[in-house]
Amino acid sequence: MQIRGGKTSLEMMTNPFITSLIPRLGVITSTLLYFSPMAAVRAASKDGSLGDLNPIPLALMAVASMCWLVYGLSIRNPFVTLSNLPGCVAAIWYVTAVLPLLKGSQLETMQNTVVVLSAITVSLWTYLSLSIKPIARVQSTLGLFASGLFVVLSGSPLSTIKTVISTRNAGSILSSLTIAQVTNTALWSVYGLAIKDKFVYGPNLAGLGFGLVQLVLKLVFPSK
């Protein structure tokens, strides 16, 4: 199928701009995505109150970033690896910073989320390490698990959608995180399609969709 300029879609997808420059930009946008809650978490920690901050995405971010880091190392892809390394450290700090601010059911939910996901993750890694599986099978399993967590992470800010609509206030959805998510997932979707890695483009396309929904909510119900 020919497109403008006489190049096929395949040639466009293997263009060095897409396979080299875009993932480099993706490393930057991924870092911005992971660091986007920093200001809100620091403010909450300083005030001693969670306010509108939704802690669940922070718990998911801590585990998901670590899983993507391991997947990047398993396939020896520097772009996937480096795009998750700083975020993994930042997300762990987010969890430790907000835990003292939580009480009752909110604290229990946060603790259960971190512990259960961590237990599943390390159990999976242990199984893959001790079982005699082809490396391609190991990489595929790691990618599938990381993809699933990322999709859940991308949609987790929408866990407060009922409150957002009823109060007509999208304060629980961070603007910086939403913008970073839309930009980041768009870039990684293109890169994933270029290298034909379904574990890269699949969850990022889903994340892009969730990000656009969050963006619409922020525009329709601005924070008060």
N, C-alpha and C. Protein backbone atom coordinates (compact mmCIF):
# COMPACT_ATOMS: atom_id res chain seq x y z
N MET A 1 0.85 -1.20 0.00
CA MET A 1 0.00 0.00 0.00
C MET A 1 0.88 1.24 0.00
N GLN A 2 0.73 2.09 -0.99
CA GLN A 2 1.55 3.28 -1.11
C GLN A 2 0.95 4.43 -0.35
N ILE A 3 1.81 5.26 0.24
CA ILE A 3 1.37 6.46 0.91
C ILE A 3 2.15 7.63 0.36
N ARG A 4 1.85 8.82 0.83
CA ARG A 4 2.45 10.03 0.29
C ARG A 4 3.97 9.93 0.32
N GLY A 5 4.59 10.35 -0.76
CA GLY A 5 6.04 10.33 -0.86
C GLY A 5 6.56 9.05 -1.47
N GLY A 6 5.65 8.11 -1.78
CA GLY A 6 6.07 6.89 -2.43
C GLY A 6 6.58 5.82 -1.49
N LYS A 7 6.56 6.07 -0.15
CA LYS A 7 7.04 5.09 0.81
C LYS A 7 5.89 4.23 1.30
N THR A 8 6.18 2.98 1.53
CA THR A 8 5.17 2.08 2.07
C THR A 8 5.05 2.31 3.56
N SER A 9 3.94 1.84 4.13
CA SER A 9 3.75 1.98 5.57
C SER A 9 4.82 1.22 6.33
N LEU A 10 5.30 0.09 5.77
CA LEU A 10 6.35 -0.68 6.41
C LEU A 10 7.65 0.12 6.49
N GLU A 11 7.97 0.81 5.40
CA GLU A 11 9.18 1.64 5.38
C GLU A 11 9.09 2.76 6.39
N MET A 12 7.89 3.32 6.53
CA MET A 12 7.71 4.41 7.50
C MET A 12 7.91 3.89 8.92
N MET A 13 7.39 2.71 9.22
CA MET A 13 7.48 2.18 10.57
C MET A 13 8.90 1.77 10.93
N THR A 14 9.76 1.48 9.93
CA THR A 14 11.15 1.11 10.22
C THR A 14 12.08 2.30 10.04
N ASN A 15 11.50 3.49 9.84
CA ASN A 15 12.30 4.71 9.71
C ASN A 15 13.09 4.95 11.00
N PRO A 16 14.39 5.32 10.89
CA PRO A 16 15.21 5.58 12.08
C PRO A 16 14.60 6.58 13.04
N PHE A 17 13.81 7.52 12.50
CA PHE A 17 13.16 8.51 13.38
C PHE A 17 12.25 7.82 14.37
N ILE A 18 11.53 6.80 13.92
CA ILE A 18 10.59 6.10 14.78
C ILE A 18 11.30 5.09 15.68
N THR A 19 12.25 4.34 15.12
CA THR A 19 12.89 3.28 15.89
C THR A 19 14.02 3.77 16.78
N SER A 20 14.45 5.01 16.60
CA SER A 20 15.56 5.53 17.40
C SER A 20 15.20 6.79 18.17
N LEU A 21 14.72 7.83 17.47
CA LEU A 21 14.45 9.09 18.14
C LEU A 21 13.22 9.02 19.05
N ILE A 22 12.15 8.41 18.56
CA ILE A 22 10.93 8.35 19.36
C ILE A 22 11.13 7.62 20.70
N PRO A 23 11.82 6.46 20.72
CA PRO A 23 12.03 5.84 22.04
C PRO A 23 12.92 6.67 22.96
N ARG A 24 13.83 7.46 22.38
CA ARG A 24 14.64 8.35 23.21
C ARG A 24 13.75 9.42 23.85
N LEU A 25 12.82 9.94 23.05
CA LEU A 25 11.85 10.88 23.60
C LEU A 25 10.95 10.17 24.61
N GLY A 26 10.68 8.90 24.33
CA GLY A 26 9.84 8.11 25.23
C GLY A 26 10.46 7.92 26.60
N VAL A 27 11.79 7.81 26.65
CA VAL A 27 12.49 7.71 27.93
C VAL A 27 12.24 8.98 28.75
N ILE A 28 12.28 10.12 28.06
CA ILE A 28 12.06 11.41 28.75
C ILE A 28 10.61 11.52 29.23
N THR A 29 9.66 11.18 28.34
CA THR A 29 8.25 11.32 28.73
C THR A 29 7.85 10.30 29.79
N SER A 30 8.47 9.11 29.76
CA SER A 30 8.19 8.12 30.80
C SER A 30 8.67 8.63 32.15
N THR A 31 9.85 9.25 32.15
CA THR A 31 10.39 9.81 33.39
C THR A 31 9.48 10.93 33.90
N LEU A 32 8.99 11.76 32.98
CA LEU A 32 8.07 12.83 33.36
C LEU A 32 6.77 12.25 33.90
N LEU A 33 6.31 11.14 33.29
CA LEU A 33 5.09 10.49 33.76
C LEU A 33 5.24 10.02 35.20
N TYR A 34 6.34 9.34 35.47
CA TYR A 34 6.55 8.81 36.81
C TYR A 34 6.79 9.91 37.84
N PHE A 35 7.37 11.02 37.41
CA PHE A 35 7.66 12.09 38.36
C PHE A 35 6.53 13.12 38.44
N SER A 36 5.50 12.97 37.62
CA SER A 36 4.41 13.95 37.61
C SER A 36 3.65 14.04 38.93
N PRO A 37 3.53 12.94 39.71
CA PRO A 37 2.83 13.09 41.00
C PRO A 37 3.71 13.68 42.10
N MET A 38 4.99 13.93 41.81
CA MET A 38 5.94 14.35 42.83
C MET A 38 5.46 15.57 43.62
N ALA A 39 5.04 16.62 42.91
CA ALA A 39 4.63 17.86 43.58
C ALA A 39 3.43 17.62 44.48
N ALA A 40 2.45 16.85 44.00
CA ALA A 40 1.25 16.59 44.79
C ALA A 40 1.57 15.75 46.03
N VAL A 41 2.46 14.78 45.88
CA VAL A 41 2.83 13.93 47.02
C VAL A 41 3.62 14.74 48.04
N ARG A 42 4.53 15.58 47.58
CA ARG A 42 5.30 16.41 48.50
C ARG A 42 4.40 17.39 49.25
N ALA A 43 3.43 17.96 48.54
CA ALA A 43 2.50 18.90 49.18
C ALA A 43 1.65 18.18 50.24
N ALA A 44 1.18 16.98 49.89
CA ALA A 44 0.37 16.21 50.84
C ALA A 44 1.19 15.83 52.06
N SER A 45 2.44 15.44 51.83
CA SER A 45 3.32 15.07 52.94
C SER A 45 3.61 16.26 53.84
N LYS A 46 3.81 17.42 53.24
CA LYS A 46 4.09 18.64 54.00
C LYS A 46 2.87 19.08 54.81
N ASP A 47 1.68 18.98 54.20
CA ASP A 47 0.45 19.40 54.87
C ASP A 47 -0.06 18.38 55.88
N GLY A 48 0.44 17.15 55.75
CA GLY A 48 -0.03 16.10 56.63
C GLY A 48 -1.43 15.64 56.31
N SER A 49 -1.87 15.90 55.08
CA SER A 49 -3.21 15.53 54.64
C SER A 49 -3.19 15.11 53.18
N LEU A 50 -3.93 14.06 52.87
CA LEU A 50 -3.95 13.54 51.50
C LEU A 50 -4.74 14.44 50.56
N GLY A 51 -5.76 15.15 51.07
CA GLY A 51 -6.57 16.01 50.23
C GLY A 51 -7.28 15.23 49.14
N ASP A 52 -7.19 15.72 47.90
CA ASP A 52 -7.84 15.05 46.77
C ASP A 52 -6.97 13.96 46.14
N LEU A 53 -5.75 13.81 46.63
CA LEU A 53 -4.81 12.86 46.02
C LEU A 53 -5.31 11.42 46.15
N ASN A 54 -5.37 10.72 45.03
CA ASN A 54 -5.78 9.32 44.98
C ASN A 54 -4.54 8.44 45.14
N PRO A 55 -4.41 7.68 46.24
CA PRO A 55 -3.18 6.94 46.50
C PRO A 55 -3.04 5.64 45.71
N ILE A 56 -4.14 5.09 45.21
CA ILE A 56 -4.09 3.79 44.55
C ILE A 56 -3.18 3.78 43.31
N PRO A 57 -3.23 4.81 42.42
CA PRO A 57 -2.31 4.81 41.28
C PRO A 57 -0.85 4.79 41.71
N LEU A 58 -0.54 5.35 42.86
CA LEU A 58 0.84 5.37 43.35
C LEU A 58 1.30 3.96 43.72
N ALA A 59 0.41 3.20 44.35
CA ALA A 59 0.74 1.82 44.71
C ALA A 59 0.95 0.96 43.45
N LEU A 60 0.06 1.14 42.48
CA LEU A 60 0.17 0.39 41.22
C LEU A 60 1.42 0.78 40.46
N MET A 61 1.76 2.07 40.51
CA MET A 61 2.94 2.57 39.81
C MET A 61 4.22 1.93 40.34
N ALA A 62 4.29 1.73 41.65
CA ALA A 62 5.49 1.15 42.26
C ALA A 62 5.76 -0.26 41.74
N VAL A 63 4.70 -1.07 41.67
CA VAL A 63 4.87 -2.45 41.21
C VAL A 63 5.00 -2.52 39.70
N ALA A 64 4.20 -1.75 38.97
CA ALA A 64 4.22 -1.79 37.50
C ALA A 64 5.57 -1.34 36.95
N SER A 65 6.14 -0.27 37.51
CA SER A 65 7.42 0.22 37.02
C SER A 65 8.53 -0.80 37.23
N MET A 66 8.46 -1.53 38.35
CA MET A 66 9.46 -2.56 38.61
C MET A 66 9.32 -3.72 37.63
N CYS A 67 8.07 -4.08 37.31
CA CYS A 67 7.84 -5.16 36.34
C CYS A 67 8.33 -4.79 34.95
N TRP A 68 8.09 -3.53 34.55
CA TRP A 68 8.57 -3.08 33.24
C TRP A 68 10.09 -3.00 33.20
N LEU A 69 10.69 -2.65 34.33
CA LEU A 69 12.16 -2.63 34.42
C LEU A 69 12.72 -4.02 34.18
N VAL A 70 12.12 -5.01 34.82
CA VAL A 70 12.58 -6.39 34.66
C VAL A 70 12.35 -6.88 33.23
N TYR A 71 11.20 -6.51 32.63
CA TYR A 71 10.94 -6.92 31.25
C TYR A 71 11.97 -6.28 30.31
N GLY A 72 12.26 -5.00 30.51
CA GLY A 72 13.26 -4.33 29.68
C GLY A 72 14.62 -4.99 29.79
N LEU A 73 14.99 -5.41 30.99
CA LEU A 73 16.27 -6.09 31.19
C LEU A 73 16.26 -7.47 30.51
N SER A 74 15.11 -8.14 30.56
CA SER A 74 15.03 -9.49 29.98
C SER A 74 15.18 -9.47 28.46
N ILE A 75 14.66 -8.43 27.82
CA ILE A 75 14.79 -8.35 26.36
C ILE A 75 15.98 -7.48 25.95
N ARG A 76 16.69 -6.98 26.96
CA ARG A 76 17.90 -6.16 26.75
C ARG A 76 17.63 -4.96 25.86
N ASN A 77 16.51 -4.31 26.15
CA ASN A 77 16.14 -3.10 25.41
C ASN A 77 16.45 -1.90 26.30
N PRO A 78 17.46 -1.10 25.93
CA PRO A 78 17.86 0.03 26.79
C PRO A 78 16.76 1.08 26.95
N PHE A 79 15.93 1.25 25.92
CA PHE A 79 14.89 2.27 25.99
C PHE A 79 13.81 1.88 27.01
N VAL A 80 13.36 0.64 26.95
CA VAL A 80 12.34 0.18 27.90
C VAL A 80 12.91 0.17 29.32
N THR A 81 14.17 -0.24 29.46
CA THR A 81 14.81 -0.31 30.77
C THR A 81 14.98 1.07 31.39
N LEU A 82 15.61 1.98 30.64
CA LEU A 82 15.91 3.30 31.18
C LEU A 82 14.66 4.15 31.39
N SER A 83 13.60 3.84 30.67
CA SER A 83 12.37 4.62 30.83
C SER A 83 11.64 4.27 32.12
N ASN A 84 12.05 3.16 32.77
CA ASN A 84 11.37 2.73 33.99
C ASN A 84 12.25 2.77 35.24
N LEU A 85 13.54 2.87 35.08
CA LEU A 85 14.45 2.86 36.23
C LEU A 85 14.21 4.03 37.19
N PRO A 86 14.23 5.30 36.72
CA PRO A 86 14.01 6.40 37.66
C PRO A 86 12.61 6.37 38.28
N GLY A 87 11.63 5.99 37.47
CA GLY A 87 10.25 5.94 37.95
C GLY A 87 10.04 4.90 39.03
N CYS A 88 10.78 3.81 38.95
CA CYS A 88 10.66 2.75 39.94
C CYS A 88 11.07 3.29 41.32
N VAL A 89 12.17 4.03 41.36
CA VAL A 89 12.65 4.61 42.62
C VAL A 89 11.66 5.66 43.13
N ALA A 90 11.20 6.53 42.22
CA ALA A 90 10.26 7.59 42.60
C ALA A 90 8.96 7.01 43.15
N ALA A 91 8.44 5.97 42.50
CA ALA A 91 7.16 5.39 42.90
C ALA A 91 7.24 4.75 44.28
N ILE A 92 8.38 4.13 44.59
CA ILE A 92 8.55 3.55 45.93
C ILE A 92 8.53 4.66 46.98
N TRP A 93 9.13 5.81 46.65
CA TRP A 93 9.09 6.93 47.58
C TRP A 93 7.67 7.45 47.77
N TYR A 94 6.89 7.50 46.70
CA TYR A 94 5.50 7.96 46.80
C TYR A 94 4.74 7.11 47.83
N VAL A 95 4.90 5.80 47.74
CA VAL A 95 4.18 4.90 48.63
C VAL A 95 4.58 5.15 50.08
N THR A 96 5.89 5.26 50.33
CA THR A 96 6.35 5.47 51.71
C THR A 96 5.94 6.85 52.22
N ALA A 97 5.77 7.82 51.32
CA ALA A 97 5.40 9.18 51.73
C ALA A 97 3.93 9.30 52.10
N VAL A 98 3.06 8.56 51.38
CA VAL A 98 1.62 8.71 51.64
C VAL A 98 1.09 7.76 52.69
N LEU A 99 1.80 6.67 52.97
CA LEU A 99 1.31 5.70 53.95
C LEU A 99 1.01 6.32 55.31
N PRO A 100 1.87 7.22 55.83
CA PRO A 100 1.56 7.82 57.14
C PRO A 100 0.32 8.72 57.12
N LEU A 101 -0.15 9.08 55.94
CA LEU A 101 -1.30 9.98 55.83
C LEU A 101 -2.62 9.23 55.72
N LEU A 102 -2.54 7.92 55.59
CA LEU A 102 -3.74 7.11 55.38
C LEU A 102 -4.28 6.54 56.69
N LYS A 103 -5.58 6.37 56.73
CA LYS A 103 -6.22 5.81 57.91
C LYS A 103 -7.38 4.89 57.49
N GLY A 104 -7.75 4.00 58.38
CA GLY A 104 -8.93 3.16 58.18
C GLY A 104 -8.88 2.32 56.91
N SER A 105 -9.99 2.30 56.21
CA SER A 105 -10.13 1.46 55.02
C SER A 105 -9.18 1.89 53.91
N GLN A 106 -8.88 3.19 53.84
CA GLN A 106 -7.98 3.69 52.81
C GLN A 106 -6.57 3.12 53.00
N LEU A 107 -6.12 3.09 54.25
CA LEU A 107 -4.81 2.51 54.58
C LEU A 107 -4.81 1.02 54.29
N GLU A 108 -5.87 0.33 54.66
CA GLU A 108 -5.95 -1.11 54.43
C GLU A 108 -5.93 -1.43 52.94
N THR A 109 -6.65 -0.65 52.14
CA THR A 109 -6.67 -0.87 50.69
C THR A 109 -5.29 -0.66 50.09
N MET A 110 -4.61 0.39 50.52
CA MET A 110 -3.27 0.70 50.02
C MET A 110 -2.30 -0.43 50.37
N GLN A 111 -2.32 -0.87 51.61
CA GLN A 111 -1.42 -1.93 52.04
C GLN A 111 -1.70 -3.24 51.30
N ASN A 112 -2.97 -3.57 51.18
CA ASN A 112 -3.34 -4.81 50.49
C ASN A 112 -2.92 -4.77 49.02
N THR A 113 -3.08 -3.62 48.39
CA THR A 113 -2.70 -3.48 46.98
C THR A 113 -1.21 -3.72 46.79
N VAL A 114 -0.40 -3.08 47.62
CA VAL A 114 1.06 -3.21 47.51
C VAL A 114 1.51 -4.64 47.82
N VAL A 115 1.00 -5.20 48.92
CA VAL A 115 1.45 -6.52 49.35
C VAL A 115 1.01 -7.62 48.38
N VAL A 116 -0.25 -7.59 47.98
CA VAL A 116 -0.76 -8.64 47.08
C VAL A 116 -0.07 -8.60 45.73
N LEU A 117 0.05 -7.41 45.14
CA LEU A 117 0.72 -7.31 43.84
C LEU A 117 2.19 -7.68 43.94
N SER A 118 2.85 -7.29 45.02
CA SER A 118 4.25 -7.65 45.21
C SER A 118 4.41 -9.15 45.36
N ALA A 119 3.50 -9.78 46.10
CA ALA A 119 3.56 -11.22 46.30
C ALA A 119 3.37 -11.97 44.97
N ILE A 120 2.42 -11.52 44.18
CA ILE A 120 2.19 -12.15 42.87
C ILE A 120 3.40 -11.96 41.98
N THR A 121 3.98 -10.77 42.02
CA THR A 121 5.14 -10.46 41.17
C THR A 121 6.34 -11.31 41.51
N VAL A 122 6.74 -11.35 42.76
CA VAL A 122 7.93 -12.12 43.15
C VAL A 122 7.69 -13.62 42.99
N SER A 123 6.44 -14.06 43.16
CA SER A 123 6.12 -15.48 42.94
C SER A 123 6.29 -15.83 41.46
N LEU A 124 5.84 -14.94 40.59
CA LEU A 124 6.00 -15.16 39.15
C LEU A 124 7.46 -15.20 38.77
N TRP A 125 8.23 -14.25 39.27
CA TRP A 125 9.66 -14.22 38.96
C TRP A 125 10.36 -15.47 39.47
N THR A 126 9.99 -15.93 40.65
CA THR A 126 10.59 -17.14 41.22
C THR A 126 10.26 -18.35 40.35
N TYR A 127 9.01 -18.46 39.95
CA TYR A 127 8.59 -19.58 39.09
C TYR A 127 9.35 -19.57 37.76
N LEU A 128 9.44 -18.41 37.14
CA LEU A 128 10.13 -18.33 35.85
C LEU A 128 11.62 -18.61 35.98
N SER A 129 12.19 -18.22 37.12
CA SER A 129 13.62 -18.43 37.33
C SER A 129 13.95 -19.90 37.59
N LEU A 130 13.10 -20.59 38.36
CA LEU A 130 13.38 -21.97 38.73
C LEU A 130 12.89 -22.99 37.72
N SER A 131 11.90 -22.62 36.92
CA SER A 131 11.40 -23.55 35.91
C SER A 131 12.29 -23.51 34.67
N ILE A 132 12.29 -24.60 33.95
CA ILE A 132 13.11 -24.67 32.73
C ILE A 132 12.24 -24.23 31.56
N LYS A 133 12.23 -22.94 31.31
CA LYS A 133 11.43 -22.37 30.24
C LYS A 133 12.35 -21.71 29.22
N PRO A 134 12.01 -21.78 27.93
CA PRO A 134 12.79 -21.06 26.92
C PRO A 134 12.78 -19.57 27.24
N ILE A 135 13.86 -18.90 26.94
CA ILE A 135 13.97 -17.48 27.26
C ILE A 135 12.85 -16.67 26.60
N ALA A 136 12.45 -17.08 25.40
CA ALA A 136 11.37 -16.37 24.71
C ALA A 136 10.07 -16.49 25.50
N ARG A 137 9.84 -17.66 26.11
CA ARG A 137 8.63 -17.87 26.91
C ARG A 137 8.68 -17.02 28.18
N VAL A 138 9.87 -16.92 28.77
CA VAL A 138 10.04 -16.09 29.97
C VAL A 138 9.77 -14.62 29.65
N GLN A 139 10.36 -14.15 28.55
CA GLN A 139 10.17 -12.76 28.14
C GLN A 139 8.70 -12.47 27.85
N SER A 140 8.04 -13.41 27.19
CA SER A 140 6.63 -13.23 26.85
C SER A 140 5.77 -13.14 28.11
N THR A 141 6.05 -13.99 29.09
CA THR A 141 5.28 -13.98 30.33
C THR A 141 5.51 -12.68 31.10
N LEU A 142 6.77 -12.25 31.18
CA LEU A 142 7.09 -10.99 31.86
C LEU A 142 6.40 -9.81 31.18
N GLY A 143 6.42 -9.82 29.85
CA GLY A 143 5.80 -8.74 29.09
C GLY A 143 4.29 -8.72 29.27
N LEU A 144 3.68 -9.89 29.29
CA LEU A 144 2.22 -9.98 29.46
C LEU A 144 1.81 -9.46 30.84
N PHE A 145 2.55 -9.86 31.85
CA PHE A 145 2.22 -9.43 33.21
C PHE A 145 2.42 -7.93 33.38
N ALA A 146 3.54 -7.42 32.87
CA ALA A 146 3.81 -5.98 32.96
C ALA A 146 2.76 -5.19 32.18
N SER A 147 2.35 -5.71 31.05
CA SER A 147 1.32 -5.04 30.24
C SER A 147 0.01 -4.95 30.99
N GLY A 148 -0.37 -6.05 31.63
CA GLY A 148 -1.61 -6.06 32.39
C GLY A 148 -1.60 -5.04 33.52
N LEU A 149 -0.48 -4.98 34.23
CA LEU A 149 -0.36 -4.01 35.32
C LEU A 149 -0.41 -2.58 34.81
N PHE A 150 0.21 -2.34 33.65
CA PHE A 150 0.22 -0.98 33.10
C PHE A 150 -1.18 -0.54 32.70
N VAL A 151 -1.96 -1.46 32.14
CA VAL A 151 -3.33 -1.12 31.76
C VAL A 151 -4.14 -0.76 33.00
N VAL A 152 -3.96 -1.54 34.06
CA VAL A 152 -4.66 -1.25 35.32
C VAL A 152 -4.19 0.10 35.87
N LEU A 153 -2.88 0.35 35.83
CA LEU A 153 -2.32 1.62 36.31
C LEU A 153 -2.89 2.79 35.52
N SER A 154 -2.95 2.65 34.21
CA SER A 154 -3.44 3.74 33.35
C SER A 154 -4.89 4.08 33.63
N GLY A 155 -5.67 3.06 33.99
CA GLY A 155 -7.08 3.31 34.25
C GLY A 155 -7.39 3.60 35.70
N SER A 156 -6.40 3.44 36.60
CA SER A 156 -6.66 3.58 38.03
C SER A 156 -7.11 4.98 38.46
N PRO A 157 -6.66 6.08 37.81
CA PRO A 157 -7.20 7.38 38.21
C PRO A 157 -8.71 7.48 38.01
N LEU A 158 -9.26 6.61 37.16
CA LEU A 158 -10.70 6.63 36.92
C LEU A 158 -11.48 5.89 38.02
N SER A 159 -10.74 5.38 39.03
CA SER A 159 -11.42 4.70 40.14
C SER A 159 -12.28 5.68 40.93
N THR A 160 -12.01 6.98 40.77
CA THR A 160 -12.81 8.00 41.46
C THR A 160 -13.82 8.67 40.52
N ILE A 161 -14.08 8.04 39.37
CA ILE A 161 -14.92 8.68 38.36
C ILE A 161 -16.33 8.96 38.89
N LYS A 162 -16.86 8.08 39.74
CA LYS A 162 -18.19 8.30 40.28
C LYS A 162 -18.23 9.58 41.12
N THR A 163 -17.18 9.76 41.94
CA THR A 163 -17.09 10.97 42.77
C THR A 163 -16.88 12.20 41.91
N VAL A 164 -16.04 12.06 40.87
CA VAL A 164 -15.77 13.19 39.97
C VAL A 164 -17.06 13.70 39.34
N ILE A 165 -17.88 12.77 38.84
CA ILE A 165 -19.11 13.16 38.16
C ILE A 165 -20.15 13.71 39.15
N SER A 166 -20.27 13.06 40.32
CA SER A 166 -21.28 13.49 41.29
C SER A 166 -20.95 14.84 41.91
N THR A 167 -19.65 15.11 42.10
CA THR A 167 -19.24 16.39 42.70
C THR A 167 -18.88 17.42 41.65
N ARG A 168 -18.81 16.96 40.39
CA ARG A 168 -18.39 17.83 39.29
C ARG A 168 -17.05 18.48 39.59
N ASN A 169 -16.16 17.66 40.16
CA ASN A 169 -14.82 18.12 40.54
C ASN A 169 -13.82 17.02 40.25
N ALA A 170 -12.89 17.27 39.31
CA ALA A 170 -11.90 16.27 38.90
C ALA A 170 -10.57 16.48 39.62
N GLY A 171 -10.63 16.99 40.84
CA GLY A 171 -9.41 17.25 41.59
C GLY A 171 -8.61 16.00 41.91
N SER A 172 -9.28 14.83 41.99
CA SER A 172 -8.58 13.58 42.29
C SER A 172 -7.78 13.06 41.10
N ILE A 173 -8.00 13.63 39.92
CA ILE A 173 -7.24 13.26 38.71
C ILE A 173 -6.18 14.33 38.50
N LEU A 174 -4.91 13.95 38.63
CA LEU A 174 -3.82 14.92 38.53
C LEU A 174 -3.62 15.36 37.08
N SER A 175 -3.62 16.66 36.86
CA SER A 175 -3.44 17.20 35.51
C SER A 175 -2.08 16.81 34.94
N SER A 176 -1.02 16.95 35.75
CA SER A 176 0.33 16.64 35.28
C SER A 176 0.45 15.18 34.89
N LEU A 177 -0.15 14.29 35.69
CA LEU A 177 -0.10 12.86 35.39
C LEU A 177 -0.87 12.54 34.12
N THR A 178 -2.02 13.18 33.93
CA THR A 178 -2.86 12.93 32.76
C THR A 178 -2.15 13.36 31.48
N ILE A 179 -1.59 14.56 31.48
CA ILE A 179 -0.89 15.07 30.30
C ILE A 179 0.32 14.20 29.98
N ALA A 180 1.08 13.83 31.02
CA ALA A 180 2.25 12.98 30.82
C ALA A 180 1.85 11.61 30.29
N GLN A 181 0.74 11.08 30.78
CA GLN A 181 0.27 9.76 30.34
C GLN A 181 -0.11 9.78 28.86
N VAL A 182 -0.85 10.79 28.43
CA VAL A 182 -1.28 10.89 27.03
C VAL A 182 -0.07 11.00 26.11
N THR A 183 0.86 11.89 26.46
CA THR A 183 2.06 12.09 25.63
C THR A 183 2.92 10.85 25.59
N ASN A 184 3.17 10.26 26.76
CA ASN A 184 4.05 9.11 26.86
C ASN A 184 3.49 7.89 26.13
N THR A 185 2.22 7.58 26.36
CA THR A 185 1.63 6.39 25.74
C THR A 185 1.51 6.54 24.22
N ALA A 186 1.31 7.76 23.75
CA ALA A 186 1.26 7.98 22.30
C ALA A 186 2.60 7.65 21.65
N LEU A 187 3.69 8.12 22.27
CA LEU A 187 5.03 7.86 21.74
C LEU A 187 5.36 6.36 21.78
N TRP A 188 5.09 5.72 22.91
CA TRP A 188 5.43 4.31 23.04
C TRP A 188 4.54 3.42 22.18
N SER A 189 3.33 3.86 21.89
CA SER A 189 2.46 3.11 20.98
C SER A 189 3.07 3.06 19.59
N VAL A 190 3.55 4.21 19.14
CA VAL A 190 4.18 4.29 17.82
C VAL A 190 5.43 3.42 17.78
N TYR A 191 6.26 3.52 18.82
CA TYR A 191 7.50 2.75 18.87
C TYR A 191 7.20 1.25 18.92
N GLY A 192 6.23 0.86 19.74
CA GLY A 192 5.88 -0.55 19.85
C GLY A 192 5.39 -1.13 18.53
N LEU A 193 4.60 -0.34 17.81
CA LEU A 193 4.16 -0.78 16.48
C LEU A 193 5.33 -0.90 15.51
N ALA A 194 6.29 -0.01 15.66
CA ALA A 194 7.46 -0.01 14.77
C ALA A 194 8.32 -1.26 14.97
N ILE A 195 8.52 -1.66 16.23
CA ILE A 195 9.36 -2.83 16.50
C ILE A 195 8.52 -4.10 16.62
N LYS A 196 7.21 -3.96 16.41
CA LYS A 196 6.28 -5.09 16.41
C LYS A 196 6.30 -5.84 17.75
N ASP A 197 6.32 -5.09 18.83
CA ASP A 197 6.28 -5.68 20.17
C ASP A 197 4.92 -5.39 20.78
N LYS A 198 4.07 -6.41 20.81
CA LYS A 198 2.70 -6.22 21.30
C LYS A 198 2.65 -5.86 22.77
N PHE A 199 3.71 -6.22 23.50
CA PHE A 199 3.74 -5.89 24.91
C PHE A 199 4.11 -4.42 25.15
N VAL A 200 4.56 -3.76 24.10
CA VAL A 200 4.84 -2.33 24.19
C VAL A 200 3.65 -1.53 23.65
N TYR A 201 3.20 -1.86 22.42
CA TYR A 201 2.13 -1.05 21.85
C TYR A 201 0.75 -1.37 22.43
N GLY A 202 0.52 -2.62 22.83
CA GLY A 202 -0.79 -3.00 23.34
C GLY A 202 -1.22 -2.21 24.57
N PRO A 203 -0.44 -2.30 25.66
CA PRO A 203 -0.84 -1.57 26.87
C PRO A 203 -0.78 -0.06 26.71
N ASN A 204 0.11 0.42 25.85
CA ASN A 204 0.21 1.86 25.66
C ASN A 204 -0.97 2.42 24.88
N LEU A 205 -1.50 1.65 23.94
CA LEU A 205 -2.72 2.09 23.26
C LEU A 205 -3.89 2.15 24.24
N ALA A 206 -3.95 1.16 25.13
CA ALA A 206 -5.00 1.17 26.16
C ALA A 206 -4.80 2.36 27.09
N GLY A 207 -3.53 2.59 27.48
CA GLY A 207 -3.22 3.72 28.35
C GLY A 207 -3.55 5.05 27.72
N LEU A 208 -3.35 5.14 26.41
CA LEU A 208 -3.68 6.36 25.69
C LEU A 208 -5.19 6.61 25.75
N GLY A 209 -5.96 5.55 25.58
CA GLY A 209 -7.42 5.69 25.66
C GLY A 209 -7.87 6.16 27.03
N PHE A 210 -7.32 5.53 28.08
CA PHE A 210 -7.66 5.94 29.45
C PHE A 210 -7.23 7.38 29.71
N GLY A 211 -6.07 7.75 29.18
CA GLY A 211 -5.56 9.11 29.38
C GLY A 211 -6.47 10.15 28.74
N LEU A 212 -6.97 9.83 27.56
CA LEU A 212 -7.86 10.77 26.88
C LEU A 212 -9.18 10.93 27.64
N VAL A 213 -9.67 9.83 28.24
CA VAL A 213 -10.89 9.91 29.05
C VAL A 213 -10.65 10.83 30.25
N GLN A 214 -9.50 10.66 30.91
CA GLN A 214 -9.15 11.50 32.05
C GLN A 214 -9.03 12.97 31.64
N LEU A 215 -8.46 13.19 30.46
CA LEU A 215 -8.30 14.55 29.96
C LEU A 215 -9.66 15.21 29.74
N VAL A 216 -10.59 14.45 29.19
CA VAL A 216 -11.94 14.98 28.96
C VAL A 216 -12.59 15.33 30.30
N LEU A 217 -12.43 14.47 31.30
CA LEU A 217 -13.01 14.72 32.63
C LEU A 217 -12.41 15.99 33.25
N LYS A 218 -11.10 16.18 33.04
CA LYS A 218 -10.45 17.37 33.60
C LYS A 218 -10.98 18.64 32.93
N LEU A 219 -11.29 18.54 31.65
CA LEU A 219 -11.79 19.71 30.92
C LEU A 219 -13.26 19.99 31.25
N VAL A 220 -14.04 18.92 31.42
CA VAL A 220 -15.47 19.08 31.71
C VAL A 220 -15.72 19.46 33.17
N PHE A 221 -14.93 18.84 34.09
CA PHE A 221 -15.09 19.10 35.52
C PHE A 221 -13.78 19.64 36.11
N PRO A 222 -13.45 20.89 35.86
CA PRO A 222 -12.20 21.45 36.39
C PRO A 222 -12.18 21.43 37.91
N SER A 223 -10.95 21.30 38.47
CA SER A 223 -10.81 21.27 39.92
C SER A 223 -11.28 22.57 40.55
N LYS A 224 -11.93 22.45 41.70
CA LYS A 224 -12.45 23.62 42.39
C LYS A 224 -11.46 24.11 43.44
